[in-house]
Amino acid sequence: MSLKPFPHIKTFITHHCVTGSMRRIYETHGYPISEDLLLGLGAGVGIIYWEFKGAAPIFGGRANVGRPGEEGLEKTAGRRTGVQAEYFRTSSPGKAEKVLLGLLAASEPVMVYVDMGFLRYLNLPGEYHFGSHAIVVAGYDPETRQVLIADRDAELHPLSLEELQQARGSKFKPFPPQHLWYTFDFSQVHAPQPDEVWQAIKEVTTGMLEPPISNLGVKGIRKAASQIVKWPRTMPLEKLRWNVFNLFIFIDATGGTGGGIFRYMYGRFLHEAAQITGRQDLAAIGNELQAIGDRWQTVAGIFKQAWDDPDPAALLPEAAERMLAIADQEQATWEQLRKIR
């Protein structure tokens, strides 16, 4: 045998690892859908700022990531398109591999979560670890025990089963993947309905405007702005440099946000939502979010510049000031969106 992709696997560049992997699975089953629509239907946009002991702080633009009390984007977007998405975890590497091989034997592509730091084709620094990265296992050769991996680029990457198992079973923080995988049942697939779109929008606006804690939503932007200016007093230079680079990654398209910390993607979702619901004022707010995405990109550029600068701390006040201004703009935009319907 030879290592080749399963039938119907398409190669294309994706914006975000989760929605990109889901889009590959959907299209393999004959249901074309945009990443933007999956992100929006899954109520997948928000803000989180979180500091972890022993790991770089997280400043992300995702929501509905499966924390306690959350369904998770994968299941929520699936439900709103009639696709039953189920996730599974195990602490047993042997069980995880056995299940995976069973699915691959049926030529079924499988969406799994991995630690990016163990994917050699990404060429990441050895100390970098992020275990909430979704990929699709898109081919398998039992003779060589190699798989083909579909990631965010347009190529398929060969990887040994041993390398994949290491990436799936990583213990590194944040978010060790715990051999997580998904299955999808398309027997009841349907186009999203207007009521489902409105409910998805409501969930995002509520999360942005009425977060349960100050680390989330618009409050989370303000929290992050207040904290980053304190970093130079609490951490050594090299850690500070690494942390500002991490912020750049979490905002910029390089890190899988689609650019503008997911605001570009959500803006495009609102354009699709306008077509589904017949409310063109949604598209106008989508344009506003695109403009907010541009402002986030400016902040990302400041963080990237700080990473290269001999004195990264000198640029943090400007970044914080711009983030506070963005928080005001986001507050107004999400309030405007919540009033529609």
C-alpha atoms as a PDB file:
ATOM      1  CA  MET A   1       0.000   0.000   0.000  1.00  0.00           C
ATOM      2  CA  SER A   2       0.986   3.650  -0.232  1.00  0.00           C
ATOM      3  CA  LEU A   3       0.149   6.672   1.858  1.00  0.00           C
ATOM      4  CA  LYS A   4      -2.600   8.601   0.099  1.00  0.00           C
ATOM      5  CA  PRO A   5      -5.597  10.682   1.151  1.00  0.00           C
ATOM      6  CA  PHE A   6      -9.044   9.215   1.592  1.00  0.00           C
ATOM      7  CA  PRO A   7     -11.595   9.748  -1.195  1.00  0.00           C
ATOM      8  CA  HIS A   8     -13.258  13.177  -1.361  1.00  0.00           C
ATOM      9  CA  ILE A   9     -10.622  14.871   0.850  1.00  0.00           C
ATOM     10  CA  LYS A  10     -10.047  18.375  -0.472  1.00  0.00           C
ATOM     11  CA  THR A  11      -6.961  20.482   0.136  1.00  0.00           C
ATOM     12  CA  PHE A  12      -7.427  24.162   0.898  1.00  0.00           C
ATOM     13  CA  ILE A  13      -6.135  26.843   3.229  1.00  0.00           C
ATOM     14  CA  THR A  14      -8.257  27.396   6.330  1.00  0.00           C
ATOM     15  CA  HIS A  15      -8.568  30.283   8.781  1.00  0.00           C
ATOM     16  CA  HIS A  16      -9.057  28.528  12.127  1.00  0.00           C
ATOM     17  CA  CYS A  17      -8.059  25.015  13.119  1.00  0.00           C
ATOM     18  CA  VAL A  18     -11.471  24.031  14.532  1.00  0.00           C
ATOM     19  CA  THR A  19     -13.731  25.476  11.840  1.00  0.00           C
ATOM     20  CA  GLY A  20     -11.233  24.484   9.156  1.00  0.00           C
ATOM     21  CA  SER A  21     -11.206  20.872  10.356  1.00  0.00           C
ATOM     22  CA  MET A  22     -14.992  20.844  10.577  1.00  0.00           C
ATOM     23  CA  ARG A  23     -15.287  22.263   7.076  1.00  0.00           C
ATOM     24  CA  ARG A  24     -13.082  19.436   5.773  1.00  0.00           C
ATOM     25  CA  ILE A  25     -15.313  16.854   7.446  1.00  0.00           C
ATOM     26  CA  TYR A  26     -18.488  18.530   6.175  1.00  0.00           C
ATOM     27  CA  GLU A  27     -17.207  18.774   2.606  1.00  0.00           C
ATOM     28  CA  THR A  28     -16.008  15.164   2.657  1.00  0.00           C
ATOM     29  CA  HIS A  29     -19.620  14.222   3.372  1.00  0.00           C
ATOM     30  CA  GLY A  30     -20.927  16.394   0.535  1.00  0.00           C
ATOM     31  CA  TYR A  31     -22.042  19.396   2.553  1.00  0.00           C
ATOM     32  CA  PRO A  32     -20.110  22.558   1.579  1.00  0.00           C
ATOM     33  CA  ILE A  33     -20.149  25.244   4.267  1.00  0.00           C
ATOM     34  CA  SER A  34     -17.975  28.225   5.104  1.00  0.00           C
ATOM     35  CA  GLU A  35     -15.790  28.440   8.184  1.00  0.00           C
ATOM     36  CA  ASP A  36     -17.391  31.788   8.942  1.00  0.00           C
ATOM     37  CA  LEU A  37     -20.849  30.222   9.117  1.00  0.00           C
ATOM     38  CA  LEU A  38     -19.604  27.380  11.322  1.00  0.00           C
ATOM     39  CA  LEU A  39     -17.935  29.878  13.663  1.00  0.00           C
ATOM     40  CA  GLY A  40     -21.048  32.033  13.910  1.00  0.00           C
ATOM     41  CA  LEU A  41     -23.547  29.197  14.264  1.00  0.00           C
ATOM     42  CA  GLY A  42     -21.323  27.719  16.942  1.00  0.00           C
ATOM     43  CA  ALA A  43     -21.392  30.973  18.961  1.00  0.00           C
ATOM     44  CA  GLY A  44     -17.640  30.720  18.764  1.00  0.00           C
ATOM     45  CA  VAL A  45     -16.570  34.361  19.147  1.00  0.00           C
ATOM     46  CA  GLY A  46     -15.777  36.112  22.405  1.00  0.00           C
ATOM     47  CA  ILE A  47     -12.800  37.254  24.468  1.00  0.00           C
ATOM     48  CA  ILE A  48     -10.883  35.539  27.240  1.00  0.00           C
ATOM     49  CA  TYR A  49      -7.905  36.727  29.255  1.00  0.00           C
ATOM     50  CA  TRP A  50      -6.449  34.132  31.596  1.00  0.00           C
ATOM     51  CA  GLU A  51      -3.173  33.739  33.441  1.00  0.00           C
ATOM     52  CA  PHE A  52      -1.848  30.224  33.985  1.00  0.00           C
ATOM     53  CA  LYS A  53       0.779  29.209  36.492  1.00  0.00           C
ATOM     54  CA  GLY A  54       3.782  27.965  34.563  1.00  0.00           C
ATOM     55  CA  ALA A  55       2.411  28.958  31.138  1.00  0.00           C
ATOM     56  CA  ALA A  56       2.029  32.112  29.064  1.00  0.00           C
ATOM     57  CA  PRO A  57      -1.181  34.113  29.654  1.00  0.00           C
ATOM     58  CA  ILE A  58      -3.999  33.432  27.212  1.00  0.00           C
ATOM     59  CA  PHE A  59      -5.694  36.279  25.387  1.00  0.00           C
ATOM     60  CA  GLY A  60      -8.031  34.750  22.884  1.00  0.00           C
ATOM     61  CA  GLY A  61     -11.022  35.597  20.741  1.00  0.00           C
ATOM     62  CA  ARG A  62     -12.865  32.297  20.977  1.00  0.00           C
ATOM     63  CA  ALA A  63     -15.920  31.425  23.043  1.00  0.00           C
ATOM     64  CA  ASN A  64     -17.949  28.247  23.542  1.00  0.00           C
ATOM     65  CA  VAL A  65     -14.803  26.166  23.808  1.00  0.00           C
ATOM     66  CA  GLY A  66     -16.355  23.437  25.933  1.00  0.00           C
ATOM     67  CA  ARG A  67     -15.656  24.778  29.399  1.00  0.00           C
ATOM     68  CA  PRO A  68     -18.044  23.524  32.130  1.00  0.00           C
ATOM     69  CA  GLY A  69     -21.559  24.601  31.201  1.00  0.00           C
ATOM     70  CA  GLU A  70     -20.692  25.043  27.510  1.00  0.00           C
ATOM     71  CA  GLU A  71     -21.710  22.740  24.689  1.00  0.00           C
ATOM     72  CA  GLY A  72     -18.684  23.590  22.560  1.00  0.00           C
ATOM     73  CA  LEU A  73     -18.573  25.115  19.077  1.00  0.00           C
ATOM     74  CA  GLU A  74     -18.349  21.726  17.381  1.00  0.00           C
ATOM     75  CA  LYS A  75     -21.575  20.399  18.909  1.00  0.00           C
ATOM     76  CA  THR A  76     -23.424  23.735  18.721  1.00  0.00           C
ATOM     77  CA  ALA A  77     -22.634  24.348  15.049  1.00  0.00           C
ATOM     78  CA  GLY A  78     -23.437  20.705  14.350  1.00  0.00           C
ATOM     79  CA  ARG A  79     -26.815  20.938  16.061  1.00  0.00           C
ATOM     80  CA  ARG A  80     -27.713  24.033  14.031  1.00  0.00           C
ATOM     81  CA  THR A  81     -26.881  22.245  10.786  1.00  0.00           C
ATOM     82  CA  GLY A  82     -28.523  18.940  11.722  1.00  0.00           C
ATOM     83  CA  VAL A  83     -25.164  17.203  12.252  1.00  0.00           C
ATOM     84  CA  GLN A  84     -24.669  15.196  15.427  1.00  0.00           C
ATOM     85  CA  ALA A  85     -21.143  15.881  16.665  1.00  0.00           C
ATOM     86  CA  GLU A  86     -19.898  13.764  19.554  1.00  0.00           C
ATOM     87  CA  TYR A  87     -16.573  14.030  21.327  1.00  0.00           C
ATOM     88  CA  PHE A  88     -14.607  11.380  23.194  1.00  0.00           C
ATOM     89  CA  ARG A  89     -11.615  11.498  25.518  1.00  0.00           C
ATOM     90  CA  THR A  90      -9.474   8.812  27.059  1.00  0.00           C
ATOM     91  CA  SER A  91      -6.402   8.614  29.246  1.00  0.00           C
ATOM     92  CA  SER A  92      -5.357   5.436  27.430  1.00  0.00           C
ATOM     93  CA  PRO A  93      -3.058   5.898  24.396  1.00  0.00           C
ATOM     94  CA  GLY A  94      -3.804   2.312  23.356  1.00  0.00           C
ATOM     95  CA  LYS A  95      -7.577   2.844  23.340  1.00  0.00           C
ATOM     96  CA  ALA A  96      -7.222   6.148  21.482  1.00  0.00           C
ATOM     97  CA  GLU A  97      -5.130   4.500  18.771  1.00  0.00           C
ATOM     98  CA  LYS A  98      -7.423   1.467  18.494  1.00  0.00           C
ATOM     99  CA  VAL A  99     -10.496   3.638  17.955  1.00  0.00           C
ATOM    100  CA  LEU A 100      -8.631   5.849  15.495  1.00  0.00           C
ATOM    101  CA  LEU A 101      -7.419   2.873  13.450  1.00  0.00           C
ATOM    102  CA  GLY A 102     -10.944   1.463  13.345  1.00  0.00           C
ATOM    103  CA  LEU A 103     -12.286   4.694  11.856  1.00  0.00           C
ATOM    104  CA  LEU A 104      -9.370   5.012   9.440  1.00  0.00           C
ATOM    105  CA  ALA A 105      -9.869   1.416   8.269  1.00  0.00           C
ATOM    106  CA  ALA A 106     -13.298   2.522   7.044  1.00  0.00           C
ATOM    107  CA  SER A 107     -11.632   5.407   5.131  1.00  0.00           C
ATOM    108  CA  GLU A 108     -13.286   7.850   7.529  1.00  0.00           C
ATOM    109  CA  PRO A 109     -11.339  11.081   8.124  1.00  0.00           C
ATOM    110  CA  VAL A 110     -11.104  11.842  11.835  1.00  0.00           C
ATOM    111  CA  MET A 111     -10.927  15.182  13.613  1.00  0.00           C
ATOM    112  CA  VAL A 112      -8.565  14.990  16.584  1.00  0.00           C
ATOM    113  CA  TYR A 113      -6.982  17.443  19.003  1.00  0.00           C
ATOM    114  CA  VAL A 114      -3.207  17.652  19.427  1.00  0.00           C
ATOM    115  CA  ASP A 115      -0.399  19.667  20.969  1.00  0.00           C
ATOM    116  CA  MET A 116       1.021  21.809  18.170  1.00  0.00           C
ATOM    117  CA  GLY A 117       4.487  21.593  19.671  1.00  0.00           C
ATOM    118  CA  PHE A 118       4.785  17.949  18.580  1.00  0.00           C
ATOM    119  CA  LEU A 119       3.832  18.531  14.929  1.00  0.00           C
ATOM    120  CA  ARG A 120       7.266  18.630  13.295  1.00  0.00           C
ATOM    121  CA  TYR A 121       5.946  20.084  10.048  1.00  0.00           C
ATOM    122  CA  LEU A 122       5.017  23.309  11.901  1.00  0.00           C
ATOM    123  CA  ASN A 123       8.665  23.923  12.897  1.00  0.00           C
ATOM    124  CA  LEU A 124       7.690  25.524  16.204  1.00  0.00           C
ATOM    125  CA  PRO A 125      10.198  26.312  18.963  1.00  0.00           C
ATOM    126  CA  GLY A 126      10.801  23.331  21.238  1.00  0.00           C
ATOM    127  CA  GLU A 127       9.369  25.098  24.268  1.00  0.00           C
ATOM    128  CA  TYR A 128       6.068  25.990  22.556  1.00  0.00           C
ATOM    129  CA  HIS A 129       3.033  23.904  23.502  1.00  0.00           C
ATOM    130  CA  PHE A 130      -0.664  24.405  22.782  1.00  0.00           C
ATOM    131  CA  GLY A 131      -2.908  21.385  23.096  1.00  0.00           C
ATOM    132  CA  SER A 132      -6.190  22.783  21.818  1.00  0.00           C
ATOM    133  CA  HIS A 133      -5.265  22.469  18.136  1.00  0.00           C
ATOM    134  CA  ALA A 134      -7.636  20.569  15.837  1.00  0.00           C
ATOM    135  CA  ILE A 135      -6.466  18.624  12.780  1.00  0.00           C
ATOM    136  CA  VAL A 136      -7.961  15.987  10.485  1.00  0.00           C
ATOM    137  CA  VAL A 137      -6.358  12.587   9.969  1.00  0.00           C
ATOM    138  CA  ALA A 138      -7.011  12.340   6.251  1.00  0.00           C
ATOM    139  CA  GLY A 139      -5.197   9.177   5.160  1.00  0.00           C
ATOM    140  CA  TYR A 140      -3.512   6.053   6.520  1.00  0.00           C
ATOM    141  CA  ASP A 141      -1.078   3.367   5.398  1.00  0.00           C
ATOM    142  CA  PRO A 142      -1.131   0.357   7.773  1.00  0.00           C
ATOM    143  CA  GLU A 143       2.070  -1.084   6.308  1.00  0.00           C
ATOM    144  CA  THR A 144       4.205   1.931   7.186  1.00  0.00           C
ATOM    145  CA  ARG A 145       2.001   3.051  10.117  1.00  0.00           C
ATOM    146  CA  GLN A 146       1.916   6.547   8.708  1.00  0.00           C
ATOM    147  CA  VAL A 147      -0.987   8.988   8.523  1.00  0.00           C
ATOM    148  CA  LEU A 148      -1.701  12.079   6.440  1.00  0.00           C
ATOM    149  CA  ILE A 149      -2.589  15.195   8.412  1.00  0.00           C
ATOM    150  CA  ALA A 150      -4.782  18.022   7.078  1.00  0.00           C
ATOM    151  CA  ASP A 151      -3.958  21.205   8.967  1.00  0.00           C
ATOM    152  CA  ARG A 152      -4.588  24.886   8.174  1.00  0.00           C
ATOM    153  CA  ASP A 153      -2.459  24.945   5.016  1.00  0.00           C
ATOM    154  CA  ALA A 154      -3.213  23.411   1.633  1.00  0.00           C
ATOM    155  CA  GLU A 155      -0.759  20.519   2.009  1.00  0.00           C
ATOM    156  CA  LEU A 156      -1.215  17.086   3.546  1.00  0.00           C
ATOM    157  CA  HIS A 157       1.547  16.190   5.988  1.00  0.00           C
ATOM    158  CA  PRO A 158       2.850  12.653   6.604  1.00  0.00           C
ATOM    159  CA  LEU A 159       3.281  11.712  10.241  1.00  0.00           C
ATOM    160  CA  SER A 160       4.025   8.424  11.971  1.00  0.00           C
ATOM    161  CA  LEU A 161       1.394   7.000  14.287  1.00  0.00           C
ATOM    162  CA  GLU A 162       3.923   7.306  17.103  1.00  0.00           C
ATOM    163  CA  GLU A 163       4.358  11.033  16.454  1.00  0.00           C
ATOM    164  CA  LEU A 164       0.602  11.513  16.295  1.00  0.00           C
ATOM    165  CA  GLN A 165       0.156   9.607  19.547  1.00  0.00           C
ATOM    166  CA  GLN A 166       2.740  11.848  21.242  1.00  0.00           C
ATOM    167  CA  ALA A 167       0.891  14.958  20.042  1.00  0.00           C
ATOM    168  CA  ARG A 168      -2.493  13.586  21.149  1.00  0.00           C
ATOM    169  CA  GLY A 169      -1.268  12.496  24.577  1.00  0.00           C
ATOM    170  CA  SER A 170       0.767  15.584  25.501  1.00  0.00           C
ATOM    171  CA  LYS A 171       0.624  16.612  29.162  1.00  0.00           C
ATOM    172  CA  PHE A 172       1.861  20.162  28.575  1.00  0.00           C
ATOM    173  CA  LYS A 173      -0.229  23.160  29.604  1.00  0.00           C
ATOM    174  CA  PRO A 174      -2.311  24.923  28.524  1.00  0.00           C
ATOM    175  CA  PHE A 175      -5.090  22.584  27.445  1.00  0.00           C
ATOM    176  CA  PRO A 176      -3.532  19.097  27.195  1.00  0.00           C
ATOM    177  CA  PRO A 177      -5.524  17.368  24.430  1.00  0.00           C
ATOM    178  CA  GLN A 178      -6.292  14.128  26.328  1.00  0.00           C
ATOM    179  CA  HIS A 179      -6.568  12.143  23.078  1.00  0.00           C
ATOM    180  CA  LEU A 180      -9.753  14.060  22.207  1.00  0.00           C
ATOM    181  CA  TRP A 181     -11.514  13.086  18.970  1.00  0.00           C
ATOM    182  CA  TYR A 182     -14.871  13.792  17.296  1.00  0.00           C
ATOM    183  CA  THR A 183     -17.348  11.795  15.260  1.00  0.00           C
ATOM    184  CA  PHE A 184     -20.024  13.324  13.019  1.00  0.00           C
ATOM    185  CA  ASP A 185     -23.392  11.918  11.914  1.00  0.00           C
ATOM    186  CA  PHE A 186     -24.748  13.632   8.783  1.00  0.00           C
ATOM    187  CA  SER A 187     -27.970  11.623   8.477  1.00  0.00           C
ATOM    188  CA  GLN A 188     -30.125  14.640   9.462  1.00  0.00           C
ATOM    189  CA  VAL A 189     -28.048  17.430   7.916  1.00  0.00           C
ATOM    190  CA  HIS A 190     -29.942  20.580   6.916  1.00  0.00           C
ATOM    191  CA  ALA A 191     -29.335  24.215   6.080  1.00  0.00           C
ATOM    192  CA  PRO A 192     -29.352  26.535   9.112  1.00  0.00           C
ATOM    193  CA  GLN A 193     -32.679  28.239   9.754  1.00  0.00           C
ATOM    194  CA  PRO A 194     -33.195  31.926  10.638  1.00  0.00           C
ATOM    195  CA  ASP A 195     -34.195  31.166  14.240  1.00  0.00           C
ATOM    196  CA  GLU A 196     -30.980  29.216  14.737  1.00  0.00           C
ATOM    197  CA  VAL A 197     -28.947  32.124  13.379  1.00  0.00           C
ATOM    198  CA  TRP A 198     -30.679  34.582  15.701  1.00  0.00           C
ATOM    199  CA  GLN A 199     -30.092  32.342  18.705  1.00  0.00           C
ATOM    200  CA  ALA A 200     -26.412  32.015  17.815  1.00  0.00           C
ATOM    201  CA  ILE A 201     -26.073  35.797  17.586  1.00  0.00           C
ATOM    202  CA  LYS A 202     -27.842  36.242  20.924  1.00  0.00           C
ATOM    203  CA  GLU A 203     -25.411  33.862  22.620  1.00  0.00           C
ATOM    204  CA  VAL A 204     -22.404  35.810  21.342  1.00  0.00           C
ATOM    205  CA  THR A 205     -23.742  39.242  22.260  1.00  0.00           C
ATOM    206  CA  THR A 206     -24.696  38.028  25.731  1.00  0.00           C
ATOM    207  CA  GLY A 207     -21.235  36.582  26.241  1.00  0.00           C
ATOM    208  CA  MET A 208     -19.558  39.801  25.145  1.00  0.00           C
ATOM    209  CA  LEU A 209     -21.791  42.169  27.110  1.00  0.00           C
ATOM    210  CA  GLU A 210     -22.808  40.129  30.163  1.00  0.00           C
ATOM    211  CA  PRO A 211     -19.871  37.848  30.989  1.00  0.00           C
ATOM    212  CA  PRO A 212     -20.025  35.964  34.297  1.00  0.00           C
ATOM    213  CA  ILE A 213     -16.511  37.129  35.252  1.00  0.00           C
ATOM    214  CA  SER A 214     -14.295  40.081  34.325  1.00  0.00           C
ATOM    215  CA  ASN A 215     -11.849  37.898  32.365  1.00  0.00           C
ATOM    216  CA  LEU A 216     -14.397  37.386  29.576  1.00  0.00           C
ATOM    217  CA  GLY A 217     -16.171  39.517  26.966  1.00  0.00           C
ATOM    218  CA  VAL A 218     -15.647  43.259  26.683  1.00  0.00           C
ATOM    219  CA  LYS A 219     -14.621  43.270  30.338  1.00  0.00           C
ATOM    220  CA  GLY A 220     -11.908  40.796  29.388  1.00  0.00           C
ATOM    221  CA  ILE A 221     -10.431  43.266  26.900  1.00  0.00           C
ATOM    222  CA  ARG A 222     -10.231  45.891  29.625  1.00  0.00           C
ATOM    223  CA  LYS A 223      -8.793  43.340  32.056  1.00  0.00           C
ATOM    224  CA  ALA A 224      -6.078  42.362  29.594  1.00  0.00           C
ATOM    225  CA  ALA A 225      -5.214  46.013  28.937  1.00  0.00           C
ATOM    226  CA  SER A 226      -4.831  46.663  32.644  1.00  0.00           C
ATOM    227  CA  GLN A 227      -2.660  43.584  33.184  1.00  0.00           C
ATOM    228  CA  ILE A 228      -0.163  43.758  30.324  1.00  0.00           C
ATOM    229  CA  VAL A 229       1.269  47.077  31.521  1.00  0.00           C
ATOM    230  CA  LYS A 230       2.102  45.328  34.810  1.00  0.00           C
ATOM    231  CA  TRP A 231       4.045  42.515  33.171  1.00  0.00           C
ATOM    232  CA  PRO A 232       7.445  44.300  33.139  1.00  0.00           C
ATOM    233  CA  ARG A 233       7.303  44.492  36.948  1.00  0.00           C
ATOM    234  CA  THR A 234       6.438  40.835  37.427  1.00  0.00           C
ATOM    235  CA  MET A 235       8.485  38.874  34.889  1.00  0.00           C
ATOM    236  CA  PRO A 236      12.022  38.720  33.470  1.00  0.00           C
ATOM    237  CA  LEU A 237      12.813  40.175  30.047  1.00  0.00           C
ATOM    238  CA  GLU A 238      12.822  36.923  28.087  1.00  0.00           C
ATOM    239  CA  LYS A 239       9.504  35.811  29.552  1.00  0.00           C
ATOM    240  CA  LEU A 240       8.053  39.229  28.758  1.00  0.00           C
ATOM    241  CA  ARG A 241       9.333  38.969  25.203  1.00  0.00           C
ATOM    242  CA  TRP A 242       7.777  35.528  24.782  1.00  0.00           C
ATOM    243  CA  ASN A 243       4.455  36.670  26.242  1.00  0.00           C
ATOM    244  CA  VAL A 244       4.084  39.655  23.906  1.00  0.00           C
ATOM    245  CA  PHE A 245       4.847  37.385  20.960  1.00  0.00           C
ATOM    246  CA  ASN A 246       2.132  35.056  22.256  1.00  0.00           C
ATOM    247  CA  LEU A 247      -0.331  37.968  22.223  1.00  0.00           C
ATOM    248  CA  PHE A 248       0.572  38.690  18.611  1.00  0.00           C
ATOM    249  CA  ILE A 249      -0.117  35.054  17.722  1.00  0.00           C
ATOM    250  CA  PHE A 250      -3.501  35.031  19.476  1.00  0.00           C
ATOM    251  CA  ILE A 251      -4.679  38.116  17.545  1.00  0.00           C
ATOM    252  CA  ASP A 252      -3.086  37.725  14.121  1.00  0.00           C
ATOM    253  CA  ALA A 253      -4.128  35.321  11.356  1.00  0.00           C
ATOM    254  CA  THR A 254      -0.785  33.544  11.895  1.00  0.00           C
ATOM    255  CA  GLY A 255      -2.245  31.993  15.032  1.00  0.00           C
ATOM    256  CA  GLY A 256      -5.416  30.728  13.357  1.00  0.00           C
ATOM    257  CA  THR A 257      -7.859  33.528  14.132  1.00  0.00           C
ATOM    258  CA  GLY A 258      -8.560  34.520  10.548  1.00  0.00           C
ATOM    259  CA  GLY A 259      -7.040  37.893  11.495  1.00  0.00           C
ATOM    260  CA  GLY A 260      -8.292  40.557  13.890  1.00  0.00           C
ATOM    261  CA  ILE A 261      -8.823  38.018  16.709  1.00  0.00           C
ATOM    262  CA  PHE A 262     -11.741  36.376  14.807  1.00  0.00           C
ATOM    263  CA  ARG A 263     -13.486  39.690  14.088  1.00  0.00           C
ATOM    264  CA  TYR A 264     -12.948  39.353  10.326  1.00  0.00           C
ATOM    265  CA  MET A 265     -14.517  35.895  10.342  1.00  0.00           C
ATOM    266  CA  TYR A 266     -17.481  36.970  12.455  1.00  0.00           C
ATOM    267  CA  GLY A 267     -18.005  40.012  10.257  1.00  0.00           C
ATOM    268  CA  ARG A 268     -18.279  37.725   7.244  1.00  0.00           C
ATOM    269  CA  PHE A 269     -20.634  35.457   9.195  1.00  0.00           C
ATOM    270  CA  LEU A 270     -22.968  38.408   9.711  1.00  0.00           C
ATOM    271  CA  HIS A 271     -23.039  38.925   5.948  1.00  0.00           C
ATOM    272  CA  GLU A 272     -24.135  35.293   5.530  1.00  0.00           C
ATOM    273  CA  ALA A 273     -26.593  35.734   8.402  1.00  0.00           C
ATOM    274  CA  ALA A 274     -28.094  38.698   6.559  1.00  0.00           C
ATOM    275  CA  GLN A 275     -28.826  36.445   3.576  1.00  0.00           C
ATOM    276  CA  ILE A 276     -30.343  33.698   5.746  1.00  0.00           C
ATOM    277  CA  THR A 277     -32.529  36.019   7.833  1.00  0.00           C
ATOM    278  CA  GLY A 278     -33.268  38.694   5.225  1.00  0.00           C
ATOM    279  CA  ARG A 279     -31.995  41.419   7.578  1.00  0.00           C
ATOM    280  CA  GLN A 280     -29.379  43.468   5.744  1.00  0.00           C
ATOM    281  CA  ASP A 281     -28.611  45.551   8.839  1.00  0.00           C
ATOM    282  CA  LEU A 282     -26.662  42.507  10.026  1.00  0.00           C
ATOM    283  CA  ALA A 283     -24.280  43.013   7.117  1.00  0.00           C
ATOM    284  CA  ALA A 284     -23.754  46.647   8.140  1.00  0.00           C
ATOM    285  CA  ILE A 285     -22.654  45.528  11.598  1.00  0.00           C
ATOM    286  CA  GLY A 286     -20.483  42.929   9.922  1.00  0.00           C
ATOM    287  CA  ASN A 287     -18.685  45.811   8.224  1.00  0.00           C
ATOM    288  CA  GLU A 288     -18.179  47.486  11.611  1.00  0.00           C
ATOM    289  CA  LEU A 289     -16.623  44.311  12.985  1.00  0.00           C
ATOM    290  CA  GLN A 290     -14.313  44.170   9.980  1.00  0.00           C
ATOM    291  CA  ALA A 291     -13.140  47.687  10.887  1.00  0.00           C
ATOM    292  CA  ILE A 292     -12.653  46.610  14.503  1.00  0.00           C
ATOM    293  CA  GLY A 293     -10.600  43.703  13.170  1.00  0.00           C
ATOM    294  CA  ASP A 294      -8.324  46.243  11.469  1.00  0.00           C
ATOM    295  CA  ARG A 295      -7.786  47.948  14.836  1.00  0.00           C
ATOM    296  CA  TRP A 296      -6.959  44.620  16.438  1.00  0.00           C
ATOM    297  CA  GLN A 297      -4.416  44.019  13.704  1.00  0.00           C
ATOM    298  CA  THR A 298      -2.748  47.302  14.626  1.00  0.00           C
ATOM    299  CA  VAL A 299      -2.475  46.065  18.217  1.00  0.00           C
ATOM    300  CA  ALA A 300      -1.056  42.758  16.977  1.00  0.00           C
ATOM    301  CA  GLY A 301       1.562  44.712  15.069  1.00  0.00           C
ATOM    302  CA  ILE A 302       2.569  46.562  18.241  1.00  0.00           C
ATOM    303  CA  PHE A 303       3.021  43.273  20.087  1.00  0.00           C
ATOM    304  CA  LYS A 304       5.103  41.880  17.234  1.00  0.00           C
ATOM    305  CA  GLN A 305       7.219  45.032  17.256  1.00  0.00           C
ATOM    306  CA  ALA A 306       7.635  44.705  21.040  1.00  0.00           C
ATOM    307  CA  TRP A 307       8.869  41.143  20.582  1.00  0.00           C
ATOM    308  CA  ASP A 308      11.652  42.419  18.309  1.00  0.00           C
ATOM    309  CA  ASP A 309      12.416  45.539  20.375  1.00  0.00           C
ATOM    310  CA  PRO A 310      15.334  45.680  22.839  1.00  0.00           C
ATOM    311  CA  ASP A 311      12.868  47.121  25.373  1.00  0.00           C
ATOM    312  CA  PRO A 312       9.482  45.422  24.784  1.00  0.00           C
ATOM    313  CA  ALA A 313       8.010  47.078  27.889  1.00  0.00           C
ATOM    314  CA  ALA A 314       8.213  50.497  26.228  1.00  0.00           C
ATOM    315  CA  LEU A 315       5.482  49.587  23.728  1.00  0.00           C
ATOM    316  CA  LEU A 316       2.982  48.066  26.135  1.00  0.00           C
ATOM    317  CA  PRO A 317       1.299  51.337  27.243  1.00  0.00           C
ATOM    318  CA  GLU A 318       0.412  52.157  23.627  1.00  0.00           C
ATOM    319  CA  ALA A 319      -0.984  48.664  23.086  1.00  0.00           C
ATOM    320  CA  ALA A 320      -3.047  48.913  26.289  1.00  0.00           C
ATOM    321  CA  GLU A 321      -4.411  52.321  25.313  1.00  0.00           C
ATOM    322  CA  ARG A 322      -5.506  51.029  21.925  1.00  0.00           C
ATOM    323  CA  MET A 323      -7.100  47.966  23.523  1.00  0.00           C
ATOM    324  CA  LEU A 324      -9.154  50.161  25.845  1.00  0.00           C
ATOM    325  CA  ALA A 325     -10.358  52.162  22.833  1.00  0.00           C
ATOM    326  CA  ILE A 326     -11.268  48.923  21.052  1.00  0.00           C
ATOM    327  CA  ALA A 327     -13.198  47.786  24.134  1.00  0.00           C
ATOM    328  CA  ASP A 328     -15.394  50.883  23.853  1.00  0.00           C
ATOM    329  CA  GLN A 329     -15.925  50.239  20.127  1.00  0.00           C
ATOM    330  CA  GLU A 330     -16.756  46.588  20.712  1.00  0.00           C
ATOM    331  CA  GLN A 331     -19.180  47.502  23.497  1.00  0.00           C
ATOM    332  CA  ALA A 332     -21.076  49.803  21.159  1.00  0.00           C
ATOM    333  CA  THR A 333     -21.063  47.338  18.264  1.00  0.00           C
ATOM    334  CA  TRP A 334     -22.257  44.329  20.267  1.00  0.00           C
ATOM    335  CA  GLU A 335     -24.995  46.472  21.864  1.00  0.00           C
ATOM    336  CA  GLN A 336     -26.101  47.571  18.413  1.00  0.00           C
ATOM    337  CA  LEU A 337     -26.163  43.965  17.215  1.00  0.00           C
ATOM    338  CA  ARG A 338     -28.185  42.860  20.224  1.00  0.00           C
ATOM    339  CA  LYS A 339     -30.915  45.400  19.384  1.00  0.00           C
ATOM    340  CA  ILE A 340     -31.533  43.974  15.906  1.00  0.00           C
ATOM    341  CA  ARG A 341     -34.539  41.747  15.277  1.00  0.00           C
END
